[in-house]
Protein backbone atom coordinates (compact mmCIF):
# COMPACT_ATOMS: atom_id res chain seq x y z
CA MET A 1 117.68 -206.17 -12.25
CA ARG A 2 118.30 -209.49 -10.49
CA THR A 3 115.87 -208.56 -7.71
CA TYR A 4 113.24 -207.62 -10.30
CA ARG A 5 113.61 -210.99 -12.02
CA ILE A 6 113.24 -212.84 -8.71
CA ILE A 7 110.07 -210.89 -7.89
CA LEU A 8 108.68 -211.51 -11.39
CA LEU A 9 109.45 -215.22 -11.17
CA THR A 10 107.78 -215.42 -7.76
CA VAL A 11 104.64 -213.72 -9.08
CA ILE A 12 104.50 -216.11 -12.05
CA ILE A 13 104.89 -219.16 -9.79
CA LEU A 14 102.20 -217.93 -7.39
CA TRP A 15 99.86 -217.16 -10.29
CA SER A 16 100.45 -220.61 -11.77
CA CYS A 17 99.73 -222.30 -8.45
CA LYS A 18 96.54 -220.29 -8.06
CA GLU A 19 95.40 -221.33 -11.53
CA LYS A 20 96.09 -224.98 -10.75
CA GLU A 21 94.12 -224.72 -7.52
CA LYS A 22 90.90 -223.72 -9.28
CA ARG A 23 88.19 -226.26 -8.45
CA LEU A 24 84.44 -226.19 -8.82
CA PRO A 25 82.16 -226.87 -5.84
CA ILE A 26 80.31 -230.16 -5.52
CA LEU A 27 76.60 -229.39 -5.16
CA GLY A 28 73.93 -231.19 -3.17
CA GLU A 29 73.63 -232.82 0.21
CA ARG A 30 76.57 -234.76 1.58
CA GLN A 31 77.14 -237.08 4.49
CA ALA A 32 80.13 -238.30 6.45
CA ILE A 33 80.78 -242.04 6.25
CA GLN A 34 83.33 -244.36 7.85
CA VAL A 35 85.52 -246.24 5.38
CA GLU A 36 88.65 -248.35 5.66
CA LYS A 37 91.79 -247.05 3.94
CA ASP A 38 95.20 -248.70 4.30
CA GLY A 39 93.94 -250.73 7.23
CA LYS A 40 92.59 -247.70 9.08
CA VAL A 41 89.02 -246.51 9.53
CA VAL A 42 88.72 -242.89 8.39
CA THR A 43 85.90 -240.42 7.80
CA ASP A 44 85.08 -239.79 4.14
CA THR A 45 82.45 -237.63 2.43
CA LEU A 46 79.63 -239.14 0.38
CA TYR A 47 78.36 -236.60 -2.19
CA HIS A 48 75.05 -236.39 -4.00
CA THR A 49 75.48 -238.55 -7.12
CA ILE A 50 73.24 -239.00 -10.16
CA PRO A 51 71.76 -242.54 -9.93
CA ALA A 52 71.62 -245.15 -12.68
CA PHE A 53 69.19 -244.40 -15.51
CA ARG A 54 67.96 -245.91 -18.77
CA PHE A 55 66.43 -243.92 -21.66
CA ILE A 56 66.22 -244.07 -25.47
CA ASN A 57 67.78 -241.43 -27.72
CA GLN A 58 66.86 -240.00 -31.12
CA ASP A 59 68.52 -242.94 -32.92
CA SER A 60 66.62 -245.57 -30.88
CA VAL A 61 69.83 -246.29 -28.96
CA GLU A 62 69.68 -247.07 -25.26
CA VAL A 63 71.35 -244.38 -23.14
CA THR A 64 72.41 -245.18 -19.58
CA GLU A 65 74.81 -243.83 -16.99
CA LYS A 66 77.46 -246.05 -18.63
CA THR A 67 77.16 -243.96 -21.82
CA PHE A 68 78.76 -241.12 -19.84
CA GLU A 69 81.39 -243.20 -18.06
CA GLY A 70 84.63 -241.23 -17.86
CA LYS A 71 82.93 -238.19 -19.44
CA ILE A 72 81.87 -234.74 -18.33
CA TYR A 73 78.36 -233.85 -19.49
CA VAL A 74 75.85 -231.02 -19.55
CA THR A 75 72.18 -231.85 -19.15
CA ASP A 76 68.78 -230.16 -19.33
CA PHE A 77 65.02 -230.83 -19.67
CA PHE A 78 62.93 -229.62 -22.61
CA PHE A 79 60.27 -230.59 -25.13
CA THR A 80 60.22 -230.11 -28.87
CA THR A 81 56.96 -228.13 -29.04
CA CYS A 82 57.77 -225.85 -26.11
CA PRO A 83 56.62 -222.31 -27.05
CA SER A 84 58.32 -220.49 -24.18
CA ILE A 85 61.86 -220.99 -22.86
CA CYS A 86 63.04 -224.06 -24.82
CA PRO A 87 64.05 -222.22 -28.03
CA LYS A 88 66.29 -219.93 -25.97
CA MET A 89 67.70 -222.90 -24.08
CA LYS A 90 68.52 -224.80 -27.25
CA GLN A 91 70.18 -221.73 -28.75
CA GLN A 92 72.46 -221.57 -25.72
CA MET A 93 73.07 -225.33 -25.58
CA LEU A 94 74.14 -225.16 -29.21
CA ARG A 95 76.94 -222.86 -28.06
CA VAL A 96 78.17 -225.65 -25.80
CA TYR A 97 77.77 -228.17 -28.61
CA GLU A 98 79.73 -226.10 -31.11
CA LYS A 99 82.59 -225.40 -28.71
CA TYR A 100 83.07 -229.04 -27.70
CA LYS A 101 81.74 -231.02 -30.67
CA ASN A 102 85.25 -232.32 -31.44
CA ASP A 103 86.16 -232.96 -27.80
CA ASP A 104 85.44 -236.58 -26.83
CA ARG A 105 85.61 -235.71 -23.14
CA ILE A 106 82.33 -233.77 -23.27
CA LEU A 107 78.78 -235.01 -23.97
CA LEU A 108 75.33 -233.39 -23.86
CA LEU A 109 72.10 -234.94 -22.58
CA SER A 110 68.63 -233.43 -23.06
CA HIS A 111 65.58 -235.14 -21.53
CA SER A 112 62.23 -234.60 -23.21
CA ILE A 113 59.40 -234.09 -20.72
CA SER A 114 56.63 -234.42 -23.33
CA ARG A 115 54.66 -237.64 -23.74
CA GLU A 116 54.33 -236.75 -27.42
CA ASP A 117 58.08 -236.61 -28.08
CA SER A 118 58.57 -240.07 -29.59
CA VAL A 119 61.88 -241.28 -31.02
CA PRO A 120 60.94 -240.18 -34.57
CA VAL A 121 59.97 -236.74 -33.26
CA LEU A 122 63.29 -236.39 -31.45
CA ARG A 123 65.14 -237.60 -34.55
CA ALA A 124 63.43 -234.96 -36.67
CA TYR A 125 64.24 -232.31 -34.07
CA ALA A 126 67.90 -233.36 -33.98
CA LYS A 127 68.02 -233.08 -37.76
CA LYS A 128 66.38 -229.66 -37.58
CA ILE A 129 69.03 -228.25 -35.25
CA ASN A 130 71.78 -230.20 -37.06
CA ILE A 131 73.34 -232.14 -34.19
CA SER A 132 75.08 -235.52 -33.94
CA SER A 133 73.71 -238.15 -31.56
CA LYS A 134 77.28 -239.21 -30.78
CA LYS A 135 77.73 -235.87 -29.02
CA TRP A 136 74.22 -234.81 -28.00
CA HIS A 137 71.63 -237.33 -26.80
CA LEU A 138 67.97 -236.29 -26.94
CA VAL A 139 66.23 -238.89 -24.79
CA THR A 140 62.74 -240.04 -23.95
CA GLY A 141 61.34 -242.60 -21.53
CA LYS A 142 58.54 -243.18 -19.05
CA TRP A 143 57.27 -239.82 -17.86
CA ASN A 144 57.60 -240.74 -14.19
CA ASP A 145 61.22 -241.76 -14.76
CA ILE A 146 61.95 -238.42 -16.44
CA GLU A 147 60.25 -236.57 -13.58
CA GLN A 148 62.26 -238.45 -10.94
CA MET A 149 65.49 -237.88 -12.84
CA ALA A 150 64.79 -234.14 -12.97
CA LYS A 151 64.70 -234.11 -9.18
CA MET A 152 68.16 -235.68 -9.10
CA TYR A 153 69.44 -232.71 -11.11
CA PHE A 154 67.51 -230.23 -8.90
CA VAL A 155 65.24 -229.30 -11.83
CA THR A 156 61.49 -228.64 -11.62
CA VAL A 157 59.31 -230.64 -14.05
CA THR A 158 55.52 -230.86 -13.85
CA GLU A 159 52.51 -231.30 -16.10
CA ASP A 160 50.31 -228.21 -16.04
CA LYS A 161 47.46 -227.61 -18.47
CA ASN A 162 47.55 -223.90 -17.67
CA GLU A 163 51.15 -223.57 -18.91
CA PRO A 164 52.07 -223.00 -22.57
CA GLY A 165 52.51 -226.43 -24.12
CA GLY A 166 51.06 -228.21 -21.09
CA TYR A 167 54.29 -228.53 -19.09
CA LEU A 168 56.16 -226.44 -16.54
CA HIS A 169 59.93 -226.77 -16.20
CA SER A 170 62.94 -224.70 -15.26
CA GLY A 171 65.51 -223.67 -17.83
CA HIS A 172 68.57 -224.83 -15.93
CA PHE A 173 71.63 -226.56 -17.34
CA ALA A 174 73.55 -228.85 -14.97
CA LEU A 175 77.25 -229.62 -15.26
CA ILE A 176 78.10 -233.20 -14.25
CA ASP A 177 81.58 -234.56 -13.60
CA LYS A 178 83.06 -238.00 -14.31
CA GLN A 179 81.84 -239.26 -10.92
CA ARG A 180 78.25 -238.19 -11.77
CA ARG A 181 78.33 -235.34 -9.25
CA ILE A 182 76.74 -231.94 -9.94
CA ARG A 183 79.43 -229.27 -10.24
CA GLY A 184 77.33 -226.32 -11.39
CA ILE A 185 73.79 -225.20 -12.26
CA TYR A 186 73.18 -222.39 -14.77
CA GLU A 187 70.18 -220.54 -16.18
CA GLY A 188 70.06 -221.85 -19.73
CA THR A 189 68.18 -218.87 -21.13
CA ASN A 190 70.83 -216.41 -19.96
CA PRO A 191 73.89 -216.01 -22.26
CA LYS A 192 76.03 -214.69 -19.38
CA GLU A 193 75.20 -217.75 -17.29
CA VAL A 194 76.18 -219.97 -20.22
CA ASP A 195 79.42 -217.99 -20.55
CA LYS A 196 80.10 -219.06 -16.96
CA LEU A 197 79.19 -222.65 -17.83
CA LEU A 198 81.73 -222.68 -20.66
CA GLU A 199 84.39 -221.31 -18.32
CA ASP A 200 83.53 -223.90 -15.68
CA ILE A 201 83.70 -226.76 -18.18
CA ASP A 202 87.28 -225.75 -18.96
CA ILE A 203 88.10 -225.63 -15.25
CA LEU A 204 86.57 -229.07 -14.74
CA LEU A 205 88.51 -230.48 -17.68
CA ASN A 206 91.75 -229.36 -16.01
CA GLU A 207 90.76 -230.42 -12.52
CA THR A 208 92.83 -233.19 -10.94
CA PRO A 209 90.91 -236.03 -9.22
């Protein structure tokens, strides 16, 4: 009996350690840099990081990288009149919203790629899907700025008159950590991919710096 208890305790400890060791990858290019730590020059890794940005949300409030300081966030690119993948994307993003709407550690950020999506249009859309701007920012800005920001998240965004609605974009969701690094990319039209996103958010929330 004593031997059995020791084995069981060992298994529990090993399982606990394994759970604590769970970490998400950091995506994007990286480079080795020389930095000084404790008086010594050491090699450190510089990861791909989302740069500073400035947009306006559905409540006419300025949204910048500082809005997400100390937060984990999920982001995507859409437009309110999109007749193809956007409805499926928003249905899946609402799952994220509902799960974490009372968790102050998580925010959502959706960039409109349409020149016609003004602040009043985004406000009406937010009301339609019944979301709070304190949790989920629907933002607009200069089209070129939106396009450049999409590249930072590894998302394709282009104007194309031959596409439904006049724009072509991927349906990916990106998971961003507190250091503005990309920790996961998921197909936002696929419920199983969003299941994985929800699991990864929980892992990231428990991840030690």
